[in-house]
Amino acid sequence: KAQVKRLRQAVNAAGTPMTHVQALEAVAY
């Protein structure tokens, strides 16, 4: 879950919107 949170924060900070669900699925993959 912490990995999901860091991924979402980093991607959003880079200017690409990412939902929580998208971050969950990306980490799962």
PDB file of all heavy atoms in Angstrom:
ATOM      1  N   LYS A   1       0.829  -1.203   0.000  1.00  0.00           N
ATOM      2  CA  LYS A   1       0.000   0.000   0.000  1.00  0.00           C
ATOM      3  C   LYS A   1       0.868   1.260   0.000  1.00  0.00           C
ATOM      4  O   LYS A   1       0.536   2.247  -0.660  1.00  0.00           O
ATOM      5  CB  LYS A   1      -0.941   0.001   1.202  1.00  0.00           C
ATOM      6  CG  LYS A   1      -2.073  -0.989   1.072  1.00  0.00           C
ATOM      7  CD  LYS A   1      -2.965  -0.935   2.303  1.00  0.00           C
ATOM      8  CE  LYS A   1      -4.100  -1.912   2.201  1.00  0.00           C
ATOM      9  NZ  LYS A   1      -4.970  -1.846   3.395  1.00  0.00           N
ATOM     10  N   ALA A   2       1.970   1.220   0.728  1.00  0.00           N
ATOM     11  CA  ALA A   2       2.898   2.359   0.739  1.00  0.00           C
ATOM     12  C   ALA A   2       3.514   2.550  -0.647  1.00  0.00           C
ATOM     13  O   ALA A   2       3.710   3.685  -1.098  1.00  0.00           O
ATOM     14  CB  ALA A   2       3.977   2.145   1.792  1.00  0.00           C
ATOM     15  N   GLN A   3       3.809   1.457  -1.324  1.00  0.00           N
ATOM     16  CA  GLN A   3       4.340   1.522  -2.685  1.00  0.00           C
ATOM     17  C   GLN A   3       3.320   2.172  -3.620  1.00  0.00           C
ATOM     18  O   GLN A   3       3.680   2.999  -4.461  1.00  0.00           O
ATOM     19  CB  GLN A   3       4.707   0.122  -3.166  1.00  0.00           C
ATOM     20  CG  GLN A   3       5.366   0.105  -4.521  1.00  0.00           C
ATOM     21  CD  GLN A   3       5.738  -1.306  -4.977  1.00  0.00           C
ATOM     22  OE1 GLN A   3       5.535  -2.286  -4.264  1.00  0.00           O
ATOM     23  NE2 GLN A   3       6.271  -1.411  -6.163  1.00  0.00           N
ATOM     24  N   VAL A   4       2.059   1.809  -3.462  1.00  0.00           N
ATOM     25  CA  VAL A   4       0.981   2.400  -4.270  1.00  0.00           C
ATOM     26  C   VAL A   4       0.935   3.906  -4.043  1.00  0.00           C
ATOM     27  O   VAL A   4       0.863   4.691  -4.994  1.00  0.00           O
ATOM     28  CB  VAL A   4      -0.378   1.748  -3.927  1.00  0.00           C
ATOM     29  CG1 VAL A   4      -1.532   2.541  -4.520  1.00  0.00           C
ATOM     30  CG2 VAL A   4      -0.414   0.309  -4.401  1.00  0.00           C
ATOM     31  N   LYS A   5       0.993   4.310  -2.791  1.00  0.00           N
ATOM     32  CA  LYS A   5       0.924   5.730  -2.454  1.00  0.00           C
ATOM     33  C   LYS A   5       2.099   6.502  -3.059  1.00  0.00           C
ATOM     34  O   LYS A   5       1.911   7.577  -3.634  1.00  0.00           O
ATOM     35  CB  LYS A   5       0.907   5.888  -0.934  1.00  0.00           C
ATOM     36  CG  LYS A   5       0.731   7.305  -0.465  1.00  0.00           C
ATOM     37  CD  LYS A   5       0.649   7.370   1.048  1.00  0.00           C
ATOM     38  CE  LYS A   5       0.480   8.798   1.515  1.00  0.00           C
ATOM     39  NZ  LYS A   5       0.374   8.876   2.981  1.00  0.00           N
ATOM     40  N   ARG A   6       3.309   5.950  -2.941  1.00  0.00           N
ATOM     41  CA  ARG A   6       4.491   6.616  -3.512  1.00  0.00           C
ATOM     42  C   ARG A   6       4.401   6.709  -5.028  1.00  0.00           C
ATOM     43  O   ARG A   6       4.749   7.738  -5.617  1.00  0.00           O
ATOM     44  CB  ARG A   6       5.768   5.880  -3.108  1.00  0.00           C
ATOM     45  CG  ARG A   6       6.159   6.058  -1.664  1.00  0.00           C
ATOM     46  CD  ARG A   6       7.543   5.507  -1.362  1.00  0.00           C
ATOM     47  NE  ARG A   6       7.740   4.133  -1.828  1.00  0.00           N
ATOM     48  CZ  ARG A   6       7.480   3.050  -1.100  1.00  0.00           C
ATOM     49  NH1 ARG A   6       7.005   3.164   0.133  1.00  0.00           N
ATOM     50  NH2 ARG A   6       7.700   1.851  -1.587  1.00  0.00           N
ATOM     51  N   LEU A   7       3.935   5.654  -5.677  1.00  0.00           N
ATOM     52  CA  LEU A   7       3.799   5.667  -7.133  1.00  0.00           C
ATOM     53  C   LEU A   7       2.825   6.754  -7.563  1.00  0.00           C
ATOM     54  O   LEU A   7       3.131   7.551  -8.448  1.00  0.00           O
ATOM     55  CB  LEU A   7       3.311   4.304  -7.647  1.00  0.00           C
ATOM     56  CG  LEU A   7       2.949   4.244  -9.132  1.00  0.00           C
ATOM     57  CD1 LEU A   7       4.178   4.499  -9.997  1.00  0.00           C
ATOM     58  CD2 LEU A   7       2.309   2.909  -9.464  1.00  0.00           C
ATOM     59  N   ARG A   8       1.681   6.796  -6.914  1.00  0.00           N
ATOM     60  CA  ARG A   8       0.671   7.790  -7.290  1.00  0.00           C
ATOM     61  C   ARG A   8       1.185   9.209  -7.075  1.00  0.00           C
ATOM     62  O   ARG A   8       1.004  10.080  -7.926  1.00  0.00           O
ATOM     63  CB  ARG A   8      -0.599   7.557  -6.487  1.00  0.00           C
ATOM     64  CG  ARG A   8      -1.707   8.487  -6.926  1.00  0.00           C
ATOM     65  CD  ARG A   8      -3.017   8.140  -6.284  1.00  0.00           C
ATOM     66  NE  ARG A   8      -4.035   9.060  -6.791  1.00  0.00           N
ATOM     67  CZ  ARG A   8      -5.057   9.466  -6.094  1.00  0.00           C
ATOM     68  NH1 ARG A   8      -5.250   9.015  -4.865  1.00  0.00           N
ATOM     69  NH2 ARG A   8      -5.925  10.304  -6.603  1.00  0.00           N
ATOM     70  N   GLN A   9       1.847   9.448  -5.963  1.00  0.00           N
ATOM     71  CA  GLN A   9       2.388  10.776  -5.691  1.00  0.00           C
ATOM     72  C   GLN A   9       3.428  11.176  -6.739  1.00  0.00           C
ATOM     73  O   GLN A   9       3.428  12.313  -7.225  1.00  0.00           O
ATOM     74  CB  GLN A   9       3.010  10.829  -4.296  1.00  0.00           C
ATOM     75  CG  GLN A   9       1.986  10.813  -3.185  1.00  0.00           C
ATOM     76  CD  GLN A   9       2.618  10.686  -1.806  1.00  0.00           C
ATOM     77  OE1 GLN A   9       3.777  10.314  -1.657  1.00  0.00           O
ATOM     78  NE2 GLN A   9       1.831  10.995  -0.778  1.00  0.00           N
ATOM     79  N   ALA A  10       4.314  10.257  -7.093  1.00  0.00           N
ATOM     80  CA  ALA A  10       5.366  10.555  -8.067  1.00  0.00           C
ATOM     81  C   ALA A  10       4.790  10.834  -9.449  1.00  0.00           C
ATOM     82  O   ALA A  10       5.205  11.783 -10.126  1.00  0.00           O
ATOM     83  CB  ALA A  10       6.366   9.400  -8.134  1.00  0.00           C
ATOM     84  N   VAL A  11       3.851  10.022  -9.870  1.00  0.00           N
ATOM     85  CA  VAL A  11       3.262  10.196 -11.197  1.00  0.00           C
ATOM     86  C   VAL A  11       2.455  11.491 -11.252  1.00  0.00           C
ATOM     87  O   VAL A  11       2.554  12.248 -12.225  1.00  0.00           O
ATOM     88  CB  VAL A  11       2.399   8.969 -11.576  1.00  0.00           C
ATOM     89  CG1 VAL A  11       1.600   9.216 -12.830  1.00  0.00           C
ATOM     90  CG2 VAL A  11       3.281   7.743 -11.746  1.00  0.00           C
ATOM     91  N   ASN A  12       1.679  11.755 -10.211  1.00  0.00           N
ATOM     92  CA  ASN A  12       0.911  13.001 -10.172  1.00  0.00           C
ATOM     93  C   ASN A  12       1.833  14.213 -10.128  1.00  0.00           C
ATOM     94  O   ASN A  12       1.562  15.223 -10.785  1.00  0.00           O
ATOM     95  CB  ASN A  12      -0.059  13.006  -8.989  1.00  0.00           C
ATOM     96  CG  ASN A  12      -1.264  12.121  -9.221  1.00  0.00           C
ATOM     97  OD1 ASN A  12      -1.667  11.870 -10.343  1.00  0.00           O
ATOM     98  ND2 ASN A  12      -1.846  11.624  -8.142  1.00  0.00           N
ATOM     99  N   ALA A  13       2.935  14.130  -9.389  1.00  0.00           N
ATOM    100  CA  ALA A  13       3.884  15.236  -9.308  1.00  0.00           C
ATOM    101  C   ALA A  13       4.545  15.505 -10.656  1.00  0.00           C
ATOM    102  O   ALA A  13       4.926  16.641 -10.955  1.00  0.00           O
ATOM    103  CB  ALA A  13       4.940  14.948  -8.252  1.00  0.00           C
ATOM    104  N   ALA A  14       4.666  14.466 -11.467  1.00  0.00           N
ATOM    105  CA  ALA A  14       5.257  14.618 -12.798  1.00  0.00           C
ATOM    106  C   ALA A  14       4.254  15.182 -13.801  1.00  0.00           C
ATOM    107  O   ALA A  14       4.601  15.393 -14.963  1.00  0.00           O
ATOM    108  CB  ALA A  14       5.788  13.276 -13.292  1.00  0.00           C
ATOM    109  N   GLY A  15       3.017  15.411 -13.344  1.00  0.00           N
ATOM    110  CA  GLY A  15       2.035  16.042 -14.209  1.00  0.00           C
ATOM    111  C   GLY A  15       1.091  15.105 -14.930  1.00  0.00           C
ATOM    112  O   GLY A  15       0.325  15.533 -15.789  1.00  0.00           O
ATOM    113  N   THR A  16       1.140  13.823 -14.601  1.00  0.00           N
ATOM    114  CA  THR A  16       0.234  12.862 -15.219  1.00  0.00           C
ATOM    115  C   THR A  16      -0.753  12.392 -14.166  1.00  0.00           C
ATOM    116  O   THR A  16      -0.356  11.740 -13.198  1.00  0.00           O
ATOM    117  CB  THR A  16       1.007  11.645 -15.768  1.00  0.00           C
ATOM    118  OG1 THR A  16       1.981  12.102 -16.684  1.00  0.00           O
ATOM    119  CG2 THR A  16       0.071  10.662 -16.441  1.00  0.00           C
ATOM    120  N   PRO A  17      -2.011  12.736 -14.319  1.00  0.00           N
ATOM    121  CA  PRO A  17      -3.002  12.312 -13.321  1.00  0.00           C
ATOM    122  C   PRO A  17      -3.098  10.787 -13.239  1.00  0.00           C
ATOM    123  O   PRO A  17      -3.108  10.100 -14.261  1.00  0.00           O
ATOM    124  CB  PRO A  17      -4.321  12.905 -13.831  1.00  0.00           C
ATOM    125  CG  PRO A  17      -3.944  13.935 -14.826  1.00  0.00           C
ATOM    126  CD  PRO A  17      -2.618  13.540 -15.385  1.00  0.00           C
ATOM    127  N   MET A  18      -3.132  10.262 -12.016  1.00  0.00           N
ATOM    128  CA  MET A  18      -3.283   8.822 -11.799  1.00  0.00           C
ATOM    129  C   MET A  18      -4.226   8.643 -10.625  1.00  0.00           C
ATOM    130  O   MET A  18      -4.012   9.217  -9.557  1.00  0.00           O
ATOM    131  CB  MET A  18      -1.942   8.170 -11.494  1.00  0.00           C
ATOM    132  CG  MET A  18      -2.031   6.689 -11.170  1.00  0.00           C
ATOM    133  SD  MET A  18      -0.430   5.929 -10.840  1.00  0.00           S
ATOM    134  CE  MET A  18      -0.193   5.018 -12.361  1.00  0.00           C
ATOM    135  N   THR A  19      -5.270   7.856 -10.832  1.00  0.00           N
ATOM    136  CA  THR A  19      -6.208   7.579  -9.755  1.00  0.00           C
ATOM    137  C   THR A  19      -5.609   6.544  -8.806  1.00  0.00           C
ATOM    138  O   THR A  19      -4.645   5.843  -9.133  1.00  0.00           O
ATOM    139  CB  THR A  19      -7.538   7.040 -10.297  1.00  0.00           C
ATOM    140  OG1 THR A  19      -7.316   5.749 -10.869  1.00  0.00           O
ATOM    141  CG2 THR A  19      -8.152   7.997 -11.315  1.00  0.00           C
ATOM    142  N   HIS A  20      -6.223   6.433  -7.641  1.00  0.00           N
ATOM    143  CA  HIS A  20      -5.773   5.435  -6.671  1.00  0.00           C
ATOM    144  C   HIS A  20      -5.924   4.028  -7.255  1.00  0.00           C
ATOM    145  O   HIS A  20      -5.031   3.190  -7.108  1.00  0.00           O
ATOM    146  CB  HIS A  20      -6.575   5.580  -5.373  1.00  0.00           C
ATOM    147  CG  HIS A  20      -6.120   4.683  -4.294  1.00  0.00           C
ATOM    148  ND1 HIS A  20      -4.901   4.818  -3.658  1.00  0.00           N
ATOM    149  CD2 HIS A  20      -6.718   3.605  -3.729  1.00  0.00           C
ATOM    150  CE1 HIS A  20      -4.765   3.858  -2.752  1.00  0.00           C
ATOM    151  NE2 HIS A  20      -5.854   3.115  -2.777  1.00  0.00           N
ATOM    152  N   VAL A  21      -7.030   3.789  -7.928  1.00  0.00           N
ATOM    153  CA  VAL A  21      -7.276   2.466  -8.531  1.00  0.00           C
ATOM    154  C   VAL A  21      -6.212   2.153  -9.588  1.00  0.00           C
ATOM    155  O   VAL A  21      -5.706   1.024  -9.654  1.00  0.00           O
ATOM    156  CB  VAL A  21      -8.692   2.385  -9.126  1.00  0.00           C
ATOM    157  CG1 VAL A  21      -8.889   1.117  -9.934  1.00  0.00           C
ATOM    158  CG2 VAL A  21      -9.734   2.477  -8.029  1.00  0.00           C
ATOM    159  N   GLN A  22      -5.862   3.125 -10.409  1.00  0.00           N
ATOM    160  CA  GLN A  22      -4.814   2.910 -11.415  1.00  0.00           C
ATOM    161  C   GLN A  22      -3.482   2.575 -10.751  1.00  0.00           C
ATOM    162  O   GLN A  22      -2.745   1.705 -11.230  1.00  0.00           O
ATOM    163  CB  GLN A  22      -4.661   4.150 -12.301  1.00  0.00           C
ATOM    164  CG  GLN A  22      -5.806   4.362 -13.249  1.00  0.00           C
ATOM    165  CD  GLN A  22      -5.734   5.701 -13.955  1.00  0.00           C
ATOM    166  OE1 GLN A  22      -5.336   6.715 -13.373  1.00  0.00           O
ATOM    167  NE2 GLN A  22      -6.122   5.714 -15.228  1.00  0.00           N
ATOM    168  N   ALA A  23      -3.176   3.231  -9.650  1.00  0.00           N
ATOM    169  CA  ALA A  23      -1.931   2.947  -8.933  1.00  0.00           C
ATOM    170  C   ALA A  23      -1.957   1.542  -8.328  1.00  0.00           C
ATOM    171  O   ALA A  23      -0.963   0.810  -8.385  1.00  0.00           O
ATOM    172  CB  ALA A  23      -1.689   3.995  -7.850  1.00  0.00           C
ATOM    173  N   LEU A  24      -3.102   1.147  -7.760  1.00  0.00           N
ATOM    174  CA  LEU A  24      -3.235  -0.209  -7.216  1.00  0.00           C
ATOM    175  C   LEU A  24      -2.971  -1.253  -8.292  1.00  0.00           C
ATOM    176  O   LEU A  24      -2.217  -2.219  -8.090  1.00  0.00           O
ATOM    177  CB  LEU A  24      -4.640  -0.418  -6.641  1.00  0.00           C
ATOM    178  CG  LEU A  24      -4.996   0.293  -5.353  1.00  0.00           C
ATOM    179  CD1 LEU A  24      -6.499   0.171  -5.087  1.00  0.00           C
ATOM    180  CD2 LEU A  24      -4.199  -0.248  -4.183  1.00  0.00           C
ATOM    181  N   GLU A  25      -3.590  -1.073  -9.444  1.00  0.00           N
ATOM    182  CA  GLU A  25      -3.453  -2.044 -10.532  1.00  0.00           C
ATOM    183  C   GLU A  25      -2.031  -2.048 -11.092  1.00  0.00           C
ATOM    184  O   GLU A  25      -1.505  -3.110 -11.457  1.00  0.00           O
ATOM    185  CB  GLU A  25      -4.479  -1.765 -11.627  1.00  0.00           C
ATOM    186  CG  GLU A  25      -5.924  -1.887 -11.164  1.00  0.00           C
ATOM    187  CD  GLU A  25      -6.279  -3.249 -10.574  1.00  0.00           C
ATOM    188  OE1 GLU A  25      -5.883  -4.281 -11.143  1.00  0.00           O
ATOM    189  OE2 GLU A  25      -6.965  -3.272  -9.533  1.00  0.00           O
ATOM    190  N   ALA A  26      -1.392  -0.888 -11.154  1.00  0.00           N
ATOM    191  CA  ALA A  26      -0.014  -0.815 -11.661  1.00  0.00           C
ATOM    192  C   ALA A  26       0.939  -1.568 -10.748  1.00  0.00           C
ATOM    193  O   ALA A  26       1.812  -2.315 -11.219  1.00  0.00           O
ATOM    194  CB  ALA A  26       0.419   0.648 -11.796  1.00  0.00           C
ATOM    195  N   VAL A  27       0.786  -1.404  -9.448  1.00  0.00           N
ATOM    196  CA  VAL A  27       1.647  -2.121  -8.501  1.00  0.00           C
ATOM    197  C   VAL A  27       1.385  -3.620  -8.581  1.00  0.00           C
ATOM    198  O   VAL A  27       2.320  -4.424  -8.571  1.00  0.00           O
ATOM    199  CB  VAL A  27       1.466  -1.579  -7.072  1.00  0.00           C
ATOM    200  CG1 VAL A  27       2.124  -2.485  -6.040  1.00  0.00           C
ATOM    201  CG2 VAL A  27       2.040  -0.164  -6.981  1.00  0.00           C
ATOM    202  N   ALA A  28       0.130  -3.996  -8.702  1.00  0.00           N
ATOM    203  CA  ALA A  28      -0.190  -5.424  -8.839  1.00  0.00           C
ATOM    204  C   ALA A  28       0.494  -6.017 -10.062  1.00  0.00           C
ATOM    205  O   ALA A  28       1.089  -7.103  -9.999  1.00  0.00           O
ATOM    206  CB  ALA A  28      -1.701  -5.613  -8.929  1.00  0.00           C
ATOM    207  N   TYR A  29       0.433  -5.313 -11.169  1.00  0.00           N
ATOM    208  CA  TYR A  29       1.069  -5.776 -12.394  1.00  0.00           C
ATOM    209  C   TYR A  29       2.580  -5.916 -12.210  1.00  0.00           C
ATOM    210  O   TYR A  29       3.179  -6.888 -12.650  1.00  0.00           O
ATOM    211  CB  TYR A  29       0.754  -4.817 -13.541  1.00  0.00           C
ATOM    212  CG  TYR A  29       1.394  -5.214 -14.843  1.00  0.00           C
ATOM    213  CD1 TYR A  29       0.868  -6.248 -15.608  1.00  0.00           C
ATOM    214  CD2 TYR A  29       2.537  -4.575 -15.302  1.00  0.00           C
ATOM    215  CE1 TYR A  29       1.461  -6.635 -16.798  1.00  0.00           C
ATOM    216  CE2 TYR A  29       3.144  -4.954 -16.489  1.00  0.00           C
ATOM    217  CZ  TYR A  29       2.599  -5.984 -17.227  1.00  0.00           C
ATOM    218  OH  TYR A  29       3.204  -6.362 -18.395  1.00  0.00           O
TER     219      TYR A  29
END
